[in-house]
Amino acid sequence: MRIFDWAAIGCAAMLAAGSLPAAAQDYPAKPVTVVVPFSPGGASDTIARVVTNAMQPGFAQPLVVENKPGANGAVGAAQVARARPDGYTIMQASIGAYAINPALQDDLPYDPRKDLDMLTIAVRTPNALVTRPTMEAATLEELIAKLKAEPDSMLFASSGTGSSDHLTAELFWQVTGTSGIHVPYKGGGPAQTDLMGGHADASFQNLGAIANFVRDGKMKLLAIAAEERSPEFPDVPTLKELGIEGMEVYSWQAFAAPKGLDPAIRQTLSDQIAAALKTPAVSDQLKGMGFEIIANTPAEADAFVAAEIDRWTEVVKAGEIKPEG
């Protein structure tokens, strides 16, 4: 078992502190709350706890993770958006809270672009097109041909309306000029179970979540919605390689703070989160969950989230997708 490189993290923290202006020299002077707007045990919660545990030895105050689930992350995200921008409340959340909610919900009680300062995109994992093990179509070309010959004949499972896997399927239909029947489930687990059981035909699932099922022959992996092939499945092409442009789709996780955070504190938090993510023990654990470490800058994260909101807003509008309820 590998241990955390506490010295490296502590060194990064001291270097960051040494460059702070006087206004931020005393930060942190009290515990910092890390809000996770989802239930305990999920990917966002796991990432928040793994990263804050790695940050803690080099951090002067406790980092306290609090779960505030509800409305696909909107309840907790709204709370963070309303908090004082003093560095004592931050958030770790997924694409849903940052980019899908704004695309899907007209009455969302927060706007990530106006109400949040991104700290870093922490990790990402590509979505992958999988089918039931008995699917007659053995390749992407055969699947598309079937969809075009028999519109709305194939059941696409997702973890819920407006989820990343749902919107990826919608984008796929729009890009390829095909259509399918969306079947929303209450979570990725039930969707994967029905797919393996032959009760659904296809799905765009996080690659990390279904990798073992593919290896065990319980699902067929036709293509990956990534920029490059996965090292885990080097023989499986990307959608782009197969001629499907604009289908690089990742589920990602990020840290953010209320808008108006002191630039020095923002940089300090971003640097320390990035240092923790790059610690071998943390990196190995998250890669074992199927994630790729990103750890980009606040400016890069701001630009990325804005582009993701625009992208999924177009998909939602074209697909005439409405939130559940």
Protein backbone atom coordinates (compact mmCIF):
# COMPACT_ATOMS: atom_id res chain seq x y z
CA MET A 1 0.00 0.00 0.00
CA ARG A 2 1.41 3.38 -0.95
CA ILE A 3 1.46 6.27 1.53
CA PHE A 4 0.60 9.88 0.89
CA ASP A 5 3.49 12.21 0.06
CA TRP A 6 2.70 14.52 2.96
CA ALA A 7 6.01 16.37 2.58
CA ALA A 8 5.27 17.33 -1.02
CA ILE A 9 1.81 18.58 -0.14
CA GLY A 10 3.08 20.52 2.87
CA CYS A 11 5.85 22.08 0.77
CA ALA A 12 3.35 23.18 -1.85
CA ALA A 13 1.21 24.73 0.85
CA MET A 14 4.13 26.66 2.35
CA LEU A 15 5.27 27.93 -1.03
CA ALA A 16 1.75 29.11 -1.78
CA ALA A 17 1.44 30.80 1.61
CA GLY A 18 4.73 32.60 1.16
CA SER A 19 3.44 34.37 -1.94
CA LEU A 20 0.13 35.47 -0.44
CA PRO A 21 -0.69 39.15 0.07
CA ALA A 22 -1.24 40.32 3.64
CA ALA A 23 -5.05 39.99 3.38
CA ALA A 24 -4.78 36.24 2.84
CA GLN A 25 -1.78 35.44 5.06
CA ASP A 26 -3.98 34.21 7.93
CA TYR A 27 -6.02 31.82 5.79
CA PRO A 28 -7.29 29.42 6.99
CA ALA A 29 -8.11 30.70 10.48
CA LYS A 30 -11.03 28.30 11.08
CA PRO A 31 -12.37 24.99 9.70
CA VAL A 32 -13.26 24.82 6.00
CA THR A 33 -16.51 23.12 4.99
CA VAL A 34 -16.44 21.05 1.80
CA VAL A 35 -20.02 20.64 0.62
CA VAL A 36 -20.87 17.55 -1.43
CA PRO A 37 -24.36 18.09 -2.93
CA PHE A 38 -24.98 14.34 -3.21
CA SER A 39 -25.46 11.43 -0.83
CA PRO A 40 -22.55 9.71 0.93
CA GLY A 41 -20.83 6.90 -0.90
CA GLY A 42 -21.03 8.25 -4.46
CA ALA A 43 -18.17 9.38 -6.66
CA SER A 44 -18.34 13.05 -5.60
CA ASP A 45 -18.34 12.10 -1.92
CA THR A 46 -15.45 9.67 -2.36
CA ILE A 47 -13.34 12.22 -4.25
CA ALA A 48 -14.03 14.93 -1.67
CA ARG A 49 -12.97 12.69 1.21
CA VAL A 50 -9.91 11.24 -0.49
CA VAL A 51 -8.64 14.66 -1.55
CA THR A 52 -9.35 16.45 1.75
CA ASN A 53 -7.68 13.62 3.70
CA ALA A 54 -4.58 14.12 1.57
CA MET A 55 -4.71 17.90 2.01
CA GLN A 56 -5.24 17.83 5.76
CA PRO A 57 -1.64 17.38 7.07
CA GLY A 58 -0.52 20.51 5.21
CA PHE A 59 -3.65 22.51 6.04
CA ALA A 60 -3.75 24.64 9.20
CA GLN A 61 -7.42 23.93 10.00
CA PRO A 62 -9.81 20.96 9.71
CA LEU A 63 -11.45 20.27 6.35
CA VAL A 64 -14.99 19.05 7.07
CA VAL A 65 -17.00 17.23 4.37
CA GLU A 66 -20.77 17.78 4.56
CA ASN A 67 -23.31 16.02 2.35
CA LYS A 68 -26.23 18.20 1.20
CA PRO A 69 -28.11 16.03 -1.33
CA GLY A 70 -31.21 16.93 -3.32
CA ALA A 71 -32.41 17.88 -6.81
CA ASN A 72 -29.39 16.42 -8.63
CA GLY A 73 -27.02 18.56 -6.62
CA ALA A 74 -29.01 21.79 -6.86
CA VAL A 75 -29.81 22.01 -3.12
CA GLY A 76 -26.19 21.89 -1.98
CA ALA A 77 -24.87 23.95 -4.88
CA ALA A 78 -27.38 26.72 -4.14
CA GLN A 79 -26.23 26.75 -0.53
CA VAL A 80 -22.60 27.14 -1.60
CA ALA A 81 -23.53 29.85 -4.09
CA ARG A 82 -25.15 31.85 -1.26
CA ALA A 83 -22.24 31.40 1.15
CA ARG A 84 -19.72 34.14 1.91
CA PRO A 85 -16.81 34.08 -0.57
CA ASP A 86 -14.22 33.84 2.17
CA GLY A 87 -12.72 30.43 1.44
CA TYR A 88 -14.46 28.68 4.32
CA THR A 89 -17.12 27.04 2.17
CA ILE A 90 -16.19 25.15 -0.99
CA MET A 91 -17.86 22.40 -3.02
CA GLN A 92 -16.92 19.13 -4.70
CA ALA A 93 -19.52 18.05 -7.26
CA SER A 94 -20.09 16.43 -10.64
CA ILE A 95 -21.03 17.59 -14.13
CA GLY A 96 -24.67 17.42 -13.05
CA ALA A 97 -24.44 20.26 -10.55
CA TYR A 98 -22.17 22.43 -12.70
CA ALA A 99 -23.34 21.97 -16.30
CA ILE A 100 -26.42 19.77 -16.66
CA ASN A 101 -28.65 21.48 -14.10
CA PRO A 102 -28.23 24.90 -15.77
CA ALA A 103 -28.99 23.33 -19.16
CA LEU A 104 -32.05 21.47 -17.94
CA GLN A 105 -33.70 23.65 -15.29
CA ASP A 106 -35.08 27.10 -16.05
CA ASP A 107 -35.73 27.92 -12.37
CA LEU A 108 -32.39 26.79 -11.00
CA PRO A 109 -31.61 28.72 -7.77
CA TYR A 110 -27.99 29.33 -8.79
CA ASP A 111 -25.95 30.02 -11.92
CA PRO A 112 -22.48 28.41 -11.91
CA ARG A 113 -21.10 31.11 -14.18
CA LYS A 114 -22.34 33.98 -12.02
CA ASP A 115 -22.35 32.43 -8.55
CA LEU A 116 -19.29 30.16 -8.42
CA ASP A 117 -15.53 30.52 -8.79
CA MET A 118 -14.12 27.25 -10.12
CA LEU A 119 -11.02 25.98 -8.32
CA THR A 120 -10.14 23.03 -10.55
CA ILE A 121 -11.59 20.25 -12.66
CA ALA A 122 -10.38 17.35 -10.56
CA VAL A 123 -10.97 14.21 -12.63
CA ARG A 124 -12.86 12.88 -15.62
CA THR A 125 -13.92 9.55 -17.13
CA PRO A 126 -15.20 9.04 -20.68
CA ASN A 127 -18.65 7.73 -21.46
CA ALA A 128 -18.76 4.55 -23.50
CA LEU A 129 -21.37 2.97 -25.76
CA VAL A 130 -22.28 -0.48 -24.47
CA THR A 131 -25.03 -2.92 -25.45
CA ARG A 132 -26.67 -6.00 -23.99
CA PRO A 133 -24.50 -9.09 -24.44
CA THR A 134 -26.96 -10.63 -26.92
CA MET A 135 -27.09 -7.56 -29.17
CA GLU A 136 -27.13 -8.60 -32.82
CA ALA A 137 -25.17 -5.51 -33.92
CA ALA A 138 -21.52 -6.31 -33.30
CA THR A 139 -20.09 -2.94 -34.41
CA LEU A 140 -21.01 0.72 -34.25
CA GLU A 141 -21.73 0.75 -37.98
CA GLU A 142 -24.18 -2.14 -37.60
CA LEU A 143 -25.84 -0.45 -34.62
CA ILE A 144 -26.35 2.82 -36.52
CA ALA A 145 -27.68 0.93 -39.53
CA LYS A 146 -30.19 -0.83 -37.29
CA LEU A 147 -31.26 2.46 -35.70
CA LYS A 148 -31.80 4.05 -39.11
CA ALA A 149 -33.67 1.04 -40.51
CA GLU A 150 -35.85 0.70 -37.40
CA PRO A 151 -36.28 4.15 -35.76
CA ASP A 152 -37.24 4.12 -32.08
CA SER A 153 -36.88 0.36 -31.87
CA MET A 154 -33.98 0.28 -29.44
CA LEU A 155 -34.17 0.93 -25.67
CA PHE A 156 -31.38 3.15 -24.30
CA ALA A 157 -31.03 2.86 -20.53
CA SER A 158 -29.79 5.77 -18.41
CA SER A 159 -29.34 6.58 -14.73
CA GLY A 160 -32.13 9.18 -15.00
CA THR A 161 -33.58 11.97 -17.09
CA GLY A 162 -30.99 14.69 -17.62
CA SER A 163 -28.11 12.50 -16.49
CA SER A 164 -24.81 12.47 -18.34
CA ASP A 165 -25.57 9.08 -19.90
CA HIS A 166 -29.01 10.29 -21.04
CA LEU A 167 -27.67 13.46 -22.64
CA THR A 168 -24.85 11.55 -24.30
CA ALA A 169 -27.42 9.29 -25.94
CA GLU A 170 -29.42 12.33 -27.04
CA LEU A 171 -26.29 13.89 -28.54
CA PHE A 172 -25.50 10.60 -30.30
CA TRP A 173 -28.96 10.51 -31.89
CA GLN A 174 -28.66 14.14 -32.97
CA VAL A 175 -25.18 13.71 -34.47
CA THR A 176 -25.97 10.44 -36.28
CA GLY A 177 -29.51 11.32 -37.39
CA THR A 178 -30.97 8.36 -35.53
CA SER A 179 -33.41 7.90 -32.67
CA GLY A 180 -34.01 5.54 -29.81
CA ILE A 181 -36.28 5.19 -26.81
CA HIS A 182 -34.89 6.65 -23.59
CA VAL A 183 -35.55 4.52 -20.51
CA PRO A 184 -34.59 6.38 -17.31
CA TYR A 185 -33.70 4.41 -14.18
CA LYS A 186 -33.11 5.56 -10.62
CA GLY A 187 -29.34 5.34 -10.79
CA GLY A 188 -26.62 3.75 -12.87
CA GLY A 189 -26.75 0.42 -11.04
CA PRO A 190 -30.33 -0.49 -12.05
CA ALA A 191 -29.69 0.66 -15.63
CA GLN A 192 -26.60 -1.53 -15.87
CA THR A 193 -28.44 -4.51 -14.35
CA ASP A 194 -31.27 -4.34 -16.89
CA LEU A 195 -28.80 -3.90 -19.74
CA MET A 196 -26.90 -7.02 -18.71
CA GLY A 197 -30.18 -8.87 -18.29
CA GLY A 198 -31.30 -7.99 -21.80
CA HIS A 199 -34.17 -5.75 -20.67
CA ALA A 200 -32.52 -2.74 -22.34
CA ASP A 201 -30.54 -2.63 -25.56
CA ALA A 202 -27.83 0.00 -25.20
CA SER A 203 -26.49 2.74 -22.96
CA PHE A 204 -23.74 5.35 -22.64
CA GLN A 205 -22.17 4.51 -19.29
CA ASN A 206 -19.04 5.81 -17.55
CA LEU A 207 -16.21 3.61 -18.76
CA GLY A 208 -14.89 3.07 -15.25
CA ALA A 209 -18.27 1.90 -14.02
CA ILE A 210 -18.73 -0.82 -16.63
CA ALA A 211 -15.16 -1.93 -17.37
CA ASN A 212 -15.40 -5.13 -15.32
CA PHE A 213 -18.77 -6.03 -16.84
CA VAL A 214 -17.24 -5.72 -20.30
CA ARG A 215 -14.27 -7.88 -19.34
CA ASP A 216 -16.66 -10.51 -17.95
CA GLY A 217 -18.67 -10.56 -21.18
CA LYS A 218 -21.79 -9.16 -19.54
CA MET A 219 -21.85 -6.14 -21.88
CA LYS A 220 -20.54 -5.40 -25.35
CA LEU A 221 -18.33 -2.31 -25.66
CA LEU A 222 -18.70 -0.80 -29.15
CA ALA A 223 -16.96 2.57 -28.85
CA ILE A 224 -15.63 5.14 -26.41
CA ALA A 225 -16.67 8.80 -26.38
CA ALA A 226 -13.14 10.05 -25.72
CA GLU A 227 -10.34 11.95 -27.40
CA GLU A 228 -8.12 8.86 -27.41
CA ARG A 229 -8.49 5.12 -26.96
CA SER A 230 -8.52 3.81 -23.42
CA PRO A 231 -5.37 2.02 -22.24
CA GLU A 232 -7.70 -0.53 -20.63
CA PHE A 233 -9.36 -1.33 -23.96
CA PRO A 234 -6.79 -0.49 -26.64
CA ASP A 235 -8.67 -2.45 -29.31
CA VAL A 236 -11.89 -0.46 -28.88
CA PRO A 237 -12.09 2.63 -31.16
CA THR A 238 -13.29 6.08 -30.21
CA LEU A 239 -16.43 7.43 -31.81
CA LYS A 240 -14.29 10.02 -33.59
CA GLU A 241 -12.16 7.28 -35.18
CA LEU A 242 -15.38 5.76 -36.51
CA GLY A 243 -16.39 9.04 -38.14
CA ILE A 244 -18.70 10.41 -35.43
CA GLU A 245 -17.50 13.97 -34.80
CA GLY A 246 -18.28 16.04 -31.70
CA MET A 247 -18.83 13.03 -29.43
CA GLU A 248 -16.00 13.46 -26.94
CA VAL A 249 -18.02 13.23 -23.74
CA TYR A 250 -16.72 12.87 -20.21
CA SER A 251 -18.34 12.70 -16.81
CA TRP A 252 -16.22 14.94 -14.63
CA GLN A 253 -15.86 16.17 -11.05
CA ALA A 254 -14.73 19.59 -9.86
CA PHE A 255 -14.12 21.84 -6.86
CA ALA A 256 -15.60 25.35 -6.65
CA ALA A 257 -16.20 28.21 -4.21
CA PRO A 258 -18.70 31.08 -3.95
CA LYS A 259 -18.13 33.86 -6.49
CA GLY A 260 -15.84 36.66 -5.35
CA LEU A 261 -13.19 34.58 -3.58
CA ASP A 262 -9.95 36.42 -2.85
CA PRO A 263 -7.64 35.56 -5.79
CA ALA A 264 -4.81 34.55 -3.47
CA ILE A 265 -7.04 32.22 -1.45
CA ARG A 266 -8.52 30.84 -4.65
CA GLN A 267 -5.05 30.04 -5.97
CA THR A 268 -3.99 28.52 -2.66
CA LEU A 269 -6.98 26.18 -2.59
CA SER A 270 -6.54 25.26 -6.24
CA ASP A 271 -2.84 24.52 -5.75
CA GLN A 272 -3.40 22.40 -2.65
CA ILE A 273 -6.23 20.41 -4.24
CA ALA A 274 -4.08 19.81 -7.32
CA ALA A 275 -1.13 18.73 -5.16
CA ALA A 276 -3.36 16.25 -3.32
CA LEU A 277 -4.77 14.87 -6.59
CA LYS A 278 -1.27 14.28 -7.92
CA THR A 279 -0.07 12.47 -4.78
CA PRO A 280 0.63 8.86 -5.87
CA ALA A 281 -1.76 7.27 -3.36
CA VAL A 282 -4.64 9.56 -4.34
CA SER A 283 -3.89 9.34 -8.04
CA ASP A 284 -3.71 5.54 -7.89
CA GLN A 285 -6.97 5.27 -5.98
CA LEU A 286 -8.90 7.53 -8.35
CA LYS A 287 -7.39 5.90 -11.44
CA GLY A 288 -8.52 2.60 -9.96
CA MET A 289 -12.06 4.00 -10.02
CA GLY A 290 -11.67 4.74 -13.74
CA PHE A 291 -10.82 8.44 -13.44
CA GLU A 292 -8.14 10.46 -15.21
CA ILE A 293 -6.52 13.20 -13.09
CA ILE A 294 -7.00 16.70 -14.60
CA ALA A 295 -6.15 19.22 -11.82
CA ASN A 296 -6.24 22.26 -14.11
CA THR A 297 -6.10 25.97 -13.20
CA PRO A 298 -9.06 28.08 -12.00
CA ALA A 299 -9.15 30.00 -15.30
CA GLU A 300 -9.11 26.78 -17.31
CA ALA A 301 -11.85 25.33 -15.12
CA ASP A 302 -14.04 28.46 -15.52
CA ALA A 303 -13.73 28.31 -19.31
CA PHE A 304 -14.40 24.57 -19.41
CA VAL A 305 -17.58 24.77 -17.32
CA ALA A 306 -18.94 27.67 -19.40
CA ALA A 307 -18.37 25.65 -22.58
CA GLU A 308 -20.01 22.57 -21.06
CA ILE A 309 -23.11 24.57 -20.07
CA ASP A 310 -23.41 25.93 -23.62
CA ARG A 311 -22.92 22.47 -25.11
CA TRP A 312 -25.55 20.69 -23.04
CA THR A 313 -28.01 23.56 -23.29
CA GLU A 314 -27.99 23.06 -27.07
CA VAL A 315 -28.49 19.31 -26.69
CA VAL A 316 -31.37 19.76 -24.24
CA LYS A 317 -33.05 22.32 -26.49
CA ALA A 318 -32.68 20.20 -29.64
CA GLY A 319 -33.93 17.11 -27.84
CA GLU A 320 -36.80 19.01 -26.16
CA ILE A 321 -35.78 17.41 -22.88
CA LYS A 322 -37.72 18.33 -19.77
CA PRO A 323 -36.66 17.62 -16.17
CA GLU A 324 -38.50 14.93 -14.26
CA GLY A 325 -41.42 16.05 -12.14
